[in-house]
Amino acid sequence: MTNVTITINTIDRLSVTLFWSMLSVLIVLVGAYGYMVNTTVWNAFNKDKAEEQIVALNSKLGDLEFQYMSLSNNVSIEKAYELGFQNAVGKTVFATRPFVAKNVAMK
């Protein structure tokens, strides 16, 4: 009878240990699930805010492009002279590249 009692006590201790282990794992999993749901909600909220900012910036960009186009249509040589620009005097130098042979044979 003592062997049976020892076996029952061992099984009882194991079942209590198993219960608390499973409860601890369940608590960790519920916490991880809550964290992931919270992160998902915040990411969705921030995505909506970012999309609103993108729309606002695209609108501002369109306005700036319109201003650029209207200002670039007003550029002329007369306007340059009014703003104080002058024709280049002397030798004008432009950026150049070194000559590269056009017919190069490669093996």
PDB file of N, CA and C in Angstrom:
ATOM      1  N   MET A   1       0.806  -1.196   0.000  1.00  0.00           N
ATOM      2  CA  MET A   1       0.000   0.000   0.000  1.00  0.00           C
ATOM      3  C   MET A   1       0.852   1.265   0.000  1.00  0.00           C
ATOM      4  N   THR A   2       2.035   1.167   0.546  1.00  0.00           N
ATOM      5  CA  THR A   2       2.880   2.346   0.593  1.00  0.00           C
ATOM      6  C   THR A   2       3.344   2.751  -0.803  1.00  0.00           C
ATOM      7  N   ASN A   3       3.579   1.763  -1.685  1.00  0.00           N
ATOM      8  CA  ASN A   3       3.964   2.089  -3.051  1.00  0.00           C
ATOM      9  C   ASN A   3       2.850   2.829  -3.776  1.00  0.00           C
ATOM     10  N   VAL A   4       1.621   2.395  -3.537  1.00  0.00           N
ATOM     11  CA  VAL A   4       0.476   3.048  -4.161  1.00  0.00           C
ATOM     12  C   VAL A   4       0.347   4.471  -3.634  1.00  0.00           C
ATOM     13  N   THR A   5       0.519   4.679  -2.362  1.00  0.00           N
ATOM     14  CA  THR A   5       0.416   6.012  -1.760  1.00  0.00           C
ATOM     15  C   THR A   5       1.522   6.921  -2.304  1.00  0.00           C
ATOM     16  N   ILE A   6       2.726   6.398  -2.412  1.00  0.00           N
ATOM     17  CA  ILE A   6       3.843   7.200  -2.941  1.00  0.00           C
ATOM     18  C   ILE A   6       3.572   7.566  -4.400  1.00  0.00           C
ATOM     19  N   THR A   7       3.070   6.636  -5.172  1.00  0.00           N
ATOM     20  CA  THR A   7       2.763   6.888  -6.572  1.00  0.00           C
ATOM     21  C   THR A   7       1.668   7.930  -6.711  1.00  0.00           C
ATOM     22  N   ILE A   8       0.631   7.821  -5.881  1.00  0.00           N
ATOM     23  CA  ILE A   8      -0.478   8.795  -5.929  1.00  0.00           C
ATOM     24  C   ILE A   8       0.024  10.179  -5.536  1.00  0.00           C
ATOM     25  N   ASN A   9       0.857  10.276  -4.526  1.00  0.00           N
ATOM     26  CA  ASN A   9       1.399  11.574  -4.101  1.00  0.00           C
ATOM     27  C   ASN A   9       2.285  12.177  -5.208  1.00  0.00           C
ATOM     28  N   THR A  10       3.066  11.325  -5.857  1.00  0.00           N
ATOM     29  CA  THR A  10       3.913  11.801  -6.951  1.00  0.00           C
ATOM     30  C   THR A  10       3.065  12.320  -8.100  1.00  0.00           C
ATOM     31  N   ILE A  11       2.034  11.585  -8.462  1.00  0.00           N
ATOM     32  CA  ILE A  11       1.126  12.008  -9.535  1.00  0.00           C
ATOM     33  C   ILE A  11       0.411  13.297  -9.139  1.00  0.00           C
ATOM     34  N   ASP A  12       0.047  13.413  -7.879  1.00  0.00           N
ATOM     35  CA  ASP A  12      -0.641  14.622  -7.391  1.00  0.00           C
ATOM     36  C   ASP A  12       0.284  15.839  -7.499  1.00  0.00           C
ATOM     37  N   ARG A  13       1.551  15.675  -7.086  1.00  0.00           N
ATOM     38  CA  ARG A  13       2.505  16.782  -7.188  1.00  0.00           C
ATOM     39  C   ARG A  13       2.768  17.149  -8.653  1.00  0.00           C
ATOM     40  N   LEU A  14       2.881  16.152  -9.515  1.00  0.00           N
ATOM     41  CA  LEU A  14       3.097  16.408 -10.932  1.00  0.00           C
ATOM     42  C   LEU A  14       1.913  17.123 -11.560  1.00  0.00           C
ATOM     43  N   SER A  15       0.712  16.739 -11.164  1.00  0.00           N
ATOM     44  CA  SER A  15      -0.471  17.391 -11.735  1.00  0.00           C
ATOM     45  C   SER A  15      -0.558  18.856 -11.300  1.00  0.00           C
ATOM     46  N   VAL A  16      -0.186  19.151 -10.064  1.00  0.00           N
ATOM     47  CA  VAL A  16      -0.193  20.546  -9.585  1.00  0.00           C
ATOM     48  C   VAL A  16       0.873  21.349 -10.332  1.00  0.00           C
ATOM     49  N   THR A  17       2.061  20.761 -10.485  1.00  0.00           N
ATOM     50  CA  THR A  17       3.136  21.434 -11.222  1.00  0.00           C
ATOM     51  C   THR A  17       2.725  21.654 -12.671  1.00  0.00           C
ATOM     52  N   LEU A  18       2.129  20.658 -13.290  1.00  0.00           N
ATOM     53  CA  LEU A  18       1.671  20.780 -14.667  1.00  0.00           C
ATOM     54  C   LEU A  18       0.585  21.847 -14.788  1.00  0.00           C
ATOM     55  N   PHE A  19      -0.341  21.902 -13.828  1.00  0.00           N
ATOM     56  CA  PHE A  19      -1.405  22.907 -13.849  1.00  0.00           C
ATOM     57  C   PHE A  19      -0.817  24.315 -13.820  1.00  0.00           C
ATOM     58  N   TRP A  20       0.117  24.571 -12.874  1.00  0.00           N
ATOM     59  CA  TRP A  20       0.679  25.916 -12.758  1.00  0.00           C
ATOM     60  C   TRP A  20       1.562  26.263 -13.969  1.00  0.00           C
ATOM     61  N   SER A  21       2.235  25.266 -14.508  1.00  0.00           N
ATOM     62  CA  SER A  21       3.029  25.511 -15.715  1.00  0.00           C
ATOM     63  C   SER A  21       2.129  25.904 -16.882  1.00  0.00           C
ATOM     64  N   MET A  22       1.052  25.158 -17.078  1.00  0.00           N
ATOM     65  CA  MET A  22       0.117  25.465 -18.167  1.00  0.00           C
ATOM     66  C   MET A  22      -0.546  26.824 -17.954  1.00  0.00           C
ATOM     67  N   LEU A  23      -0.873  27.149 -16.714  1.00  0.00           N
ATOM     68  CA  LEU A  23      -1.477  28.454 -16.421  1.00  0.00           C
ATOM     69  C   LEU A  23      -0.483  29.577 -16.728  1.00  0.00           C
ATOM     70  N   SER A  24       0.784  29.370 -16.390  1.00  0.00           N
ATOM     71  CA  SER A  24       1.807  30.385 -16.687  1.00  0.00           C
ATOM     72  C   SER A  24       1.961  30.572 -18.191  1.00  0.00           C
ATOM     73  N   VAL A  25       1.985  29.468 -18.940  1.00  0.00           N
ATOM     74  CA  VAL A  25       2.095  29.559 -20.400  1.00  0.00           C
ATOM     75  C   VAL A  25       0.881  30.282 -20.978  1.00  0.00           C
ATOM     76  N   LEU A  26      -0.306  29.979 -20.451  1.00  0.00           N
ATOM     77  CA  LEU A  26      -1.524  30.648 -20.921  1.00  0.00           C
ATOM     78  C   LEU A  26      -1.469  32.147 -20.660  1.00  0.00           C
ATOM     79  N   ILE A  27      -0.986  32.551 -19.505  1.00  0.00           N
ATOM     80  CA  ILE A  27      -0.890  33.977 -19.174  1.00  0.00           C
ATOM     81  C   ILE A  27       0.105  34.670 -20.116  1.00  0.00           C
ATOM     82  N   VAL A  28       1.230  34.013 -20.400  1.00  0.00           N
ATOM     83  CA  VAL A  28       2.216  34.597 -21.316  1.00  0.00           C
ATOM     84  C   VAL A  28       1.615  34.734 -22.717  1.00  0.00           C
ATOM     85  N   LEU A  29       0.903  33.709 -23.177  1.00  0.00           N
ATOM     86  CA  LEU A  29       0.306  33.769 -24.508  1.00  0.00           C
ATOM     87  C   LEU A  29      -0.779  34.844 -24.597  1.00  0.00           C
ATOM     88  N   VAL A  30      -1.583  34.986 -23.568  1.00  0.00           N
ATOM     89  CA  VAL A  30      -2.619  36.034 -23.568  1.00  0.00           C
ATOM     90  C   VAL A  30      -1.963  37.414 -23.578  1.00  0.00           C
ATOM     91  N   GLY A  31      -0.886  37.579 -22.815  1.00  0.00           N
ATOM     92  CA  GLY A  31      -0.159  38.855 -22.815  1.00  0.00           C
ATOM     93  C   GLY A  31       0.439  39.161 -24.175  1.00  0.00           C
ATOM     94  N   ALA A  32       1.029  38.160 -24.818  1.00  0.00           N
ATOM     95  CA  ALA A  32       1.603  38.359 -26.145  1.00  0.00           C
ATOM     96  C   ALA A  32       0.519  38.706 -27.159  1.00  0.00           C
ATOM     97  N   TYR A  33      -0.628  38.048 -27.057  1.00  0.00           N
ATOM     98  CA  TYR A  33      -1.747  38.343 -27.960  1.00  0.00           C
ATOM     99  C   TYR A  33      -2.232  39.780 -27.768  1.00  0.00           C
ATOM    100  N   GLY A  34      -2.357  40.207 -26.518  1.00  0.00           N
ATOM    101  CA  GLY A  34      -2.771  41.589 -26.236  1.00  0.00           C
ATOM    102  C   GLY A  34      -1.781  42.596 -26.779  1.00  0.00           C
ATOM    103  N   TYR A  35      -0.496  42.316 -26.623  1.00  0.00           N
ATOM    104  CA  TYR A  35       0.528  43.219 -27.145  1.00  0.00           C
ATOM    105  C   TYR A  35       0.436  43.321 -28.666  1.00  0.00           C
ATOM    106  N   MET A  36       0.266  42.184 -29.331  1.00  0.00           N
ATOM    107  CA  MET A  36       0.196  42.194 -30.796  1.00  0.00           C
ATOM    108  C   MET A  36      -1.049  42.913 -31.305  1.00  0.00           C
ATOM    109  N   VAL A  37      -2.171  42.729 -30.632  1.00  0.00           N
ATOM    110  CA  VAL A  37      -3.390  43.435 -31.042  1.00  0.00           C
ATOM    111  C   VAL A  37      -3.207  44.930 -30.841  1.00  0.00           C
ATOM    112  N   ASN A  38      -2.627  45.323 -29.724  1.00  0.00           N
ATOM    113  CA  ASN A  38      -2.389  46.743 -29.448  1.00  0.00           C
ATOM    114  C   ASN A  38      -1.462  47.342 -30.505  1.00  0.00           C
ATOM    115  N   THR A  39      -0.405  46.630 -30.842  1.00  0.00           N
ATOM    116  CA  THR A  39       0.533  47.110 -31.860  1.00  0.00           C
ATOM    117  C   THR A  39      -0.163  47.241 -33.213  1.00  0.00           C
ATOM    118  N   THR A  40      -1.001  46.289 -33.563  1.00  0.00           N
ATOM    119  CA  THR A  40      -1.717  46.339 -34.831  1.00  0.00           C
ATOM    120  C   THR A  40      -2.646  47.549 -34.899  1.00  0.00           C
ATOM    121  N   VAL A  41      -3.354  47.818 -33.810  1.00  0.00           N
ATOM    122  CA  VAL A  41      -4.270  48.963 -33.781  1.00  0.00           C
ATOM    123  C   VAL A  41      -3.489  50.261 -33.927  1.00  0.00           C
ATOM    124  N   TRP A  42      -2.367  50.406 -33.219  1.00  0.00           N
ATOM    125  CA  TRP A  42      -1.576  51.636 -33.318  1.00  0.00           C
ATOM    126  C   TRP A  42      -0.985  51.809 -34.709  1.00  0.00           C
ATOM    127  N   ASN A  43      -0.549  50.692 -35.320  1.00  0.00           N
ATOM    128  CA  ASN A  43      -0.014  50.786 -36.678  1.00  0.00           C
ATOM    129  C   ASN A  43      -1.094  51.220 -37.665  1.00  0.00           C
ATOM    130  N   ALA A  44      -2.302  50.719 -37.510  1.00  0.00           N
ATOM    131  CA  ALA A  44      -3.396  51.129 -38.396  1.00  0.00           C
ATOM    132  C   ALA A  44      -3.707  52.616 -38.210  1.00  0.00           C
ATOM    133  N   PHE A  45      -3.705  53.064 -36.956  1.00  0.00           N
ATOM    134  CA  PHE A  45      -3.958  54.480 -36.668  1.00  0.00           C
ATOM    135  C   PHE A  45      -2.876  55.359 -37.287  1.00  0.00           C
ATOM    136  N   ASN A  46      -1.613  54.955 -37.125  1.00  0.00           N
ATOM    137  CA  ASN A  46      -0.505  55.739 -37.683  1.00  0.00           C
ATOM    138  C   ASN A  46      -0.512  55.696 -39.204  1.00  0.00           C
ATOM    139  N   LYS A  47      -0.964  54.605 -39.794  1.00  0.00           N
ATOM    140  CA  LYS A  47      -1.057  54.519 -41.247  1.00  0.00           C
ATOM    141  C   LYS A  47      -2.076  55.531 -41.764  1.00  0.00           C
ATOM    142  N   ASP A  48      -3.207  55.647 -41.088  1.00  0.00           N
ATOM    143  CA  ASP A  48      -4.212  56.628 -41.502  1.00  0.00           C
ATOM    144  C   ASP A  48      -3.660  58.047 -41.418  1.00  0.00           C
ATOM    145  N   LYS A  49      -2.932  58.348 -40.344  1.00  0.00           N
ATOM    146  CA  LYS A  49      -2.333  59.682 -40.212  1.00  0.00           C
ATOM    147  C   LYS A  49      -1.312  59.930 -41.305  1.00  0.00           C
ATOM    148  N   ALA A  50      -0.507  58.914 -41.630  1.00  0.00           N
ATOM    149  CA  ALA A  50       0.499  59.066 -42.676  1.00  0.00           C
ATOM    150  C   ALA A  50      -0.163  59.293 -44.027  1.00  0.00           C
ATOM    151  N   GLU A  51      -1.265  58.599 -44.293  1.00  0.00           N
ATOM    152  CA  GLU A  51      -1.966  58.798 -45.567  1.00  0.00           C
ATOM    153  C   GLU A  51      -2.526  60.212 -45.657  1.00  0.00           C
ATOM    154  N   GLU A  52      -3.035  60.738 -44.556  1.00  0.00           N
ATOM    155  CA  GLU A  52      -3.531  62.121 -44.554  1.00  0.00           C
ATOM    156  C   GLU A  52      -2.386  63.099 -44.851  1.00  0.00           C
ATOM    157  N   GLN A  53      -1.224  62.858 -44.265  1.00  0.00           N
ATOM    158  CA  GLN A  53      -0.079  63.729 -44.518  1.00  0.00           C
ATOM    159  C   GLN A  53       0.370  63.630 -45.972  1.00  0.00           C
ATOM    160  N   ILE A  54       0.312  62.430 -46.532  1.00  0.00           N
ATOM    161  CA  ILE A  54       0.696  62.252 -47.936  1.00  0.00           C
ATOM    162  C   ILE A  54      -0.234  63.040 -48.841  1.00  0.00           C
ATOM    163  N   VAL A  55      -1.531  62.995 -48.550  1.00  0.00           N
ATOM    164  CA  VAL A  55      -2.499  63.740 -49.359  1.00  0.00           C
ATOM    165  C   VAL A  55      -2.224  65.239 -49.260  1.00  0.00           C
ATOM    166  N   ALA A  56      -1.959  65.720 -48.039  1.00  0.00           N
ATOM    167  CA  ALA A  56      -1.680  67.152 -47.849  1.00  0.00           C
ATOM    168  C   ALA A  56      -0.398  67.558 -48.589  1.00  0.00           C
ATOM    169  N   LEU A  57       0.631  66.735 -48.486  1.00  0.00           N
ATOM    170  CA  LEU A  57       1.887  67.066 -49.157  1.00  0.00           C
ATOM    171  C   LEU A  57       1.758  67.005 -50.675  1.00  0.00           C
ATOM    172  N   ASN A  58       0.986  66.061 -51.180  1.00  0.00           N
ATOM    173  CA  ASN A  58       0.767  65.992 -52.632  1.00  0.00           C
ATOM    174  C   ASN A  58       0.014  67.219 -53.124  1.00  0.00           C
ATOM    175  N   SER A  59      -0.935  67.704 -52.334  1.00  0.00           N
ATOM    176  CA  SER A  59      -1.665  68.918 -52.698  1.00  0.00           C
ATOM    177  C   SER A  59      -0.710  70.115 -52.723  1.00  0.00           C
ATOM    178  N   LYS A  60       0.132  70.206 -51.692  1.00  0.00           N
ATOM    179  CA  LYS A  60       1.097  71.307 -51.632  1.00  0.00           C
ATOM    180  C   LYS A  60       2.079  71.210 -52.794  1.00  0.00           C
ATOM    181  N   LEU A  61       2.500  69.988 -53.121  1.00  0.00           N
ATOM    182  CA  LEU A  61       3.414  69.789 -54.239  1.00  0.00           C
ATOM    183  C   LEU A  61       2.768  70.228 -55.548  1.00  0.00           C
ATOM    184  N   GLY A  62       1.490  69.927 -55.737  1.00  0.00           N
ATOM    185  CA  GLY A  62       0.786  70.360 -56.943  1.00  0.00           C
ATOM    186  C   GLY A  62       0.743  71.876 -57.046  1.00  0.00           C
ATOM    187  N   ASP A  63       0.493  72.539 -55.914  1.00  0.00           N
ATOM    188  CA  ASP A  63       0.484  74.003 -55.910  1.00  0.00           C
ATOM    189  C   ASP A  63       1.859  74.567 -56.274  1.00  0.00           C
ATOM    190  N   LEU A  64       2.903  73.966 -55.710  1.00  0.00           N
ATOM    191  CA  LEU A  64       4.252  74.446 -56.004  1.00  0.00           C
ATOM    192  C   LEU A  64       4.624  74.196 -57.466  1.00  0.00           C
ATOM    193  N   GLU A  65       4.209  73.064 -58.011  1.00  0.00           N
ATOM    194  CA  GLU A  65       4.471  72.800 -59.429  1.00  0.00           C
ATOM    195  C   GLU A  65       3.745  73.814 -60.312  1.00  0.00           C
ATOM    196  N   PHE A  66       2.517  74.172 -59.937  1.00  0.00           N
ATOM    197  CA  PHE A  66       1.766  75.176 -60.696  1.00  0.00           C
ATOM    198  C   PHE A  66       2.473  76.521 -60.636  1.00  0.00           C
ATOM    199  N   GLN A  67       2.956  76.895 -59.450  1.00  0.00           N
ATOM    200  CA  GLN A  67       3.699  78.147 -59.319  1.00  0.00           C
ATOM    201  C   GLN A  67       4.963  78.117 -60.167  1.00  0.00           C
ATOM    202  N   TYR A  68       5.676  76.996 -60.150  1.00  0.00           N
ATOM    203  CA  TYR A  68       6.893  76.875 -60.948  1.00  0.00           C
ATOM    204  C   TYR A  68       6.593  77.027 -62.430  1.00  0.00           C
ATOM    205  N   MET A  69       5.540  76.353 -62.887  1.00  0.00           N
ATOM    206  CA  MET A  69       5.193  76.434 -64.305  1.00  0.00           C
ATOM    207  C   MET A  69       4.823  77.863 -64.689  1.00  0.00           C
ATOM    208  N   SER A  70       4.043  78.540 -63.845  1.00  0.00           N
ATOM    209  CA  SER A  70       3.650  79.911 -64.183  1.00  0.00           C
ATOM    210  C   SER A  70       4.857  80.850 -64.147  1.00  0.00           C
ATOM    211  N   LEU A  71       5.785  80.644 -63.212  1.00  0.00           N
ATOM    212  CA  LEU A  71       6.976  81.494 -63.161  1.00  0.00           C
ATOM    213  C   LEU A  71       7.927  81.180 -64.311  1.00  0.00           C
ATOM    214  N   SER A  72       8.040  79.909 -64.687  1.00  0.00           N
ATOM    215  CA  SER A  72       8.957  79.573 -65.783  1.00  0.00           C
ATOM    216  C   SER A  72       8.430  80.059 -67.124  1.00  0.00           C
ATOM    217  N   ASN A  73       7.130  80.246 -67.243  1.00  0.00           N
ATOM    218  CA  ASN A  73       6.578  80.794 -68.480  1.00  0.00           C
ATOM    219  C   ASN A  73       6.888  82.281 -68.621  1.00  0.00           C
ATOM    220  N   ASN A  74       7.199  82.947 -67.518  1.00  0.00           N
ATOM    221  CA  ASN A  74       7.478  84.380 -67.540  1.00  0.00           C
ATOM    222  C   ASN A  74       8.962  84.683 -67.765  1.00  0.00           C
ATOM    223  N   VAL A  75       9.798  83.688 -67.867  1.00  0.00           N
ATOM    224  CA  VAL A  75      11.232  83.913 -68.041  1.00  0.00           C
ATOM    225  C   VAL A  75      11.509  84.264 -69.502  1.00  0.00           C
ATOM    226  N   SER A  76      12.232  85.359 -69.676  1.00  0.00           N
ATOM    227  CA  SER A  76      12.630  85.782 -71.025  1.00  0.00           C
ATOM    228  C   SER A  76      13.944  86.550 -70.899  1.00  0.00           C
ATOM    229  N   ILE A  77      14.555  86.830 -72.031  1.00  0.00           N
ATOM    230  CA  ILE A  77      15.821  87.558 -72.019  1.00  0.00           C
ATOM    231  C   ILE A  77      15.619  88.977 -71.494  1.00  0.00           C
ATOM    232  N   GLU A  78      14.465  89.572 -71.811  1.00  0.00           N
ATOM    233  CA  GLU A  78      14.179  90.928 -71.311  1.00  0.00           C
ATOM    234  C   GLU A  78      14.058  90.943 -69.790  1.00  0.00           C
ATOM    235  N   LYS A  79      13.393  89.918 -69.253  1.00  0.00           N
ATOM    236  CA  LYS A  79      13.234  89.819 -67.798  1.00  0.00           C
ATOM    237  C   LYS A  79      14.598  89.625 -67.137  1.00  0.00           C
ATOM    238  N   ALA A  80      15.482  88.861 -67.789  1.00  0.00           N
ATOM    239  CA  ALA A  80      16.831  88.657 -67.252  1.00  0.00           C
ATOM    240  C   ALA A  80      17.593  89.982 -67.212  1.00  0.00           C
ATOM    241  N   TYR A  81      17.461  90.779 -68.271  1.00  0.00           N
ATOM    242  CA  TYR A  81      18.132  92.084 -68.283  1.00  0.00           C
ATOM    243  C   TYR A  81      17.561  92.992 -67.193  1.00  0.00           C
ATOM    244  N   GLU A  82      16.256  92.934 -66.960  1.00  0.00           N
ATOM    245  CA  GLU A  82      15.636  93.735 -65.896  1.00  0.00           C
ATOM    246  C   GLU A  82      16.178  93.334 -64.523  1.00  0.00           C
ATOM    247  N   LEU A  83      16.449  92.046 -64.349  1.00  0.00           N
ATOM    248  CA  LEU A  83      16.940  91.564 -63.059  1.00  0.00           C
ATOM    249  C   LEU A  83      18.439  91.778 -62.882  1.00  0.00           C
ATOM    250  N   GLY A  84      19.106  92.309 -63.911  1.00  0.00           N
ATOM    251  CA  GLY A  84      20.517  92.637 -63.771  1.00  0.00           C
ATOM    252  C   GLY A  84      21.465  91.643 -64.404  1.00  0.00           C
ATOM    253  N   PHE A  85      20.975  90.669 -65.104  1.00  0.00           N
ATOM    254  CA  PHE A  85      21.859  89.733 -65.790  1.00  0.00           C
ATOM    255  C   PHE A  85      22.484  90.414 -66.999  1.00  0.00           C
ATOM    256  N   GLN A  86      23.676  89.975 -67.357  1.00  0.00           N
ATOM    257  CA  GLN A  86      24.383  90.546 -68.496  1.00  0.00           C
ATOM    258  C   GLN A  86      24.892  89.412 -69.374  1.00  0.00           C
ATOM    259  N   ASN A  87      25.169  89.760 -70.641  1.00  0.00           N
ATOM    260  CA  ASN A  87      25.759  88.782 -71.539  1.00  0.00           C
ATOM    261  C   ASN A  87      27.184  88.502 -71.093  1.00  0.00           C
ATOM    262  N   ALA A  88      27.630  87.277 -71.317  1.00  0.00           N
ATOM    263  CA  ALA A  88      28.984  86.891 -70.945  1.00  0.00           C
ATOM    264  C   ALA A  88      29.995  87.654 -71.798  1.00  0.00           C
ATOM    265  N   VAL A  89      31.045  88.131 -71.167  1.00  0.00           N
ATOM    266  CA  VAL A  89      32.086  88.875 -71.861  1.00  0.00           C
ATOM    267  C   VAL A  89      33.332  88.006 -71.891  1.00  0.00           C
ATOM    268  N   GLY A  90      33.991  87.971 -73.047  1.00  0.00           N
ATOM    269  CA  GLY A  90      35.217  87.187 -73.157  1.00  0.00           C
ATOM    270  C   GLY A  90      34.919  85.752 -73.552  1.00  0.00           C
ATOM    271  N   LYS A  91      35.908  84.923 -73.297  1.00  0.00           N
ATOM    272  CA  LYS A  91      35.792  83.527 -73.702  1.00  0.00           C
ATOM    273  C   LYS A  91      34.879  82.783 -72.723  1.00  0.00           C
ATOM    274  N   THR A  92      33.877  82.134 -73.273  1.00  0.00           N
ATOM    275  CA  THR A  92      32.959  81.352 -72.454  1.00  0.00           C
ATOM    276  C   THR A  92      33.443  79.913 -72.416  1.00  0.00           C
ATOM    277  N   VAL A  93      33.533  79.350 -71.224  1.00  0.00           N
ATOM    278  CA  VAL A  93      34.030  77.985 -71.064  1.00  0.00           C
ATOM    279  C   VAL A  93      32.894  77.112 -70.559  1.00  0.00           C
ATOM    280  N   PHE A  94      32.732  75.998 -71.234  1.00  0.00           N
ATOM    281  CA  PHE A  94      31.725  75.038 -70.830  1.00  0.00           C
ATOM    282  C   PHE A  94      32.402  73.782 -70.297  1.00  0.00           C
ATOM    283  N   ALA A  95      31.719  73.059 -69.491  1.00  0.00           N
ATOM    284  CA  ALA A  95      32.266  71.792 -68.992  1.00  0.00           C
ATOM    285  C   ALA A  95      32.337  70.805 -70.146  1.00  0.00           C
ATOM    286  N   THR A  96      33.463  70.130 -70.254  1.00  0.00           N
ATOM    287  CA  THR A  96      33.647  69.171 -71.345  1.00  0.00           C
ATOM    288  C   THR A  96      34.114  67.842 -70.785  1.00  0.00           C
ATOM    289  N   ARG A  97      33.966  66.827 -71.611  1.00  0.00           N
ATOM    290  CA  ARG A  97      34.465  65.502 -71.275  1.00  0.00           C
ATOM    291  C   ARG A  97      35.673  65.205 -72.135  1.00  0.00           C
ATOM    292  N   PRO A  98      36.550  64.362 -71.636  1.00  0.00           N
ATOM    293  CA  PRO A  98      37.668  63.960 -72.498  1.00  0.00           C
ATOM    294  C   PRO A  98      37.139  63.109 -73.647  1.00  0.00           C
ATOM    295  N   PHE A  99      37.817  63.197 -74.782  1.00  0.00           N
ATOM    296  CA  PHE A  99      37.379  62.470 -75.964  1.00  0.00           C
ATOM    297  C   PHE A  99      37.568  60.968 -75.747  1.00  0.00           C
ATOM    298  N   VAL A 100      36.531  60.200 -76.051  1.00  0.00           N
ATOM    299  CA  VAL A 100      36.602  58.766 -75.960  1.00  0.00           C
ATOM    300  C   VAL A 100      36.351  58.214 -77.358  1.00  0.00           C
ATOM    301  N   ALA A 101      37.220  57.339 -77.809  1.00  0.00           N
ATOM    302  CA  ALA A 101      37.079  56.784 -79.158  1.00  0.00           C
ATOM    303  C   ALA A 101      35.737  56.057 -79.276  1.00  0.00           C
ATOM    304  N   LYS A 102      35.070  56.281 -80.412  1.00  0.00           N
ATOM    305  CA  LYS A 102      33.757  55.680 -80.596  1.00  0.00           C
ATOM    306  C   LYS A 102      33.862  54.260 -81.152  1.00  0.00           C
ATOM    307  N   ASN A 103      34.926  53.966 -81.861  1.00  0.00           N
ATOM    308  CA  ASN A 103      35.085  52.641 -82.461  1.00  0.00           C
ATOM    309  C   ASN A 103      36.131  51.865 -81.662  1.00  0.00           C
ATOM    310  N   VAL A 104      35.694  51.218 -80.648  1.00  0.00           N
ATOM    311  CA  VAL A 104      36.596  50.457 -79.800  1.00  0.00           C
ATOM    312  C   VAL A 104      36.290  48.979 -79.994  1.00  0.00           C
ATOM    313  N   ALA A 105      37.310  48.221 -80.363  1.00  0.00           N
ATOM    314  CA  ALA A 105      37.135  46.785 -80.537  1.00  0.00           C
ATOM    315  C   ALA A 105      37.476  46.095 -79.229  1.00  0.00           C
ATOM    316  N   MET A 106      36.618  45.208 -78.821  1.00  0.00           N
ATOM    317  CA  MET A 106      36.858  44.460 -77.591  1.00  0.00           C
ATOM    318  C   MET A 106      36.834  42.976 -77.911  1.00  0.00           C
ATOM    319  N   LYS A 107      37.717  42.240 -77.298  1.00  0.00           N
ATOM    320  CA  LYS A 107      37.747  40.786 -77.502  1.00  0.00           C
ATOM    321  C   LYS A 107      37.251  40.085 -76.276  1.00  0.00           C
TER     322      LYS A 107
END
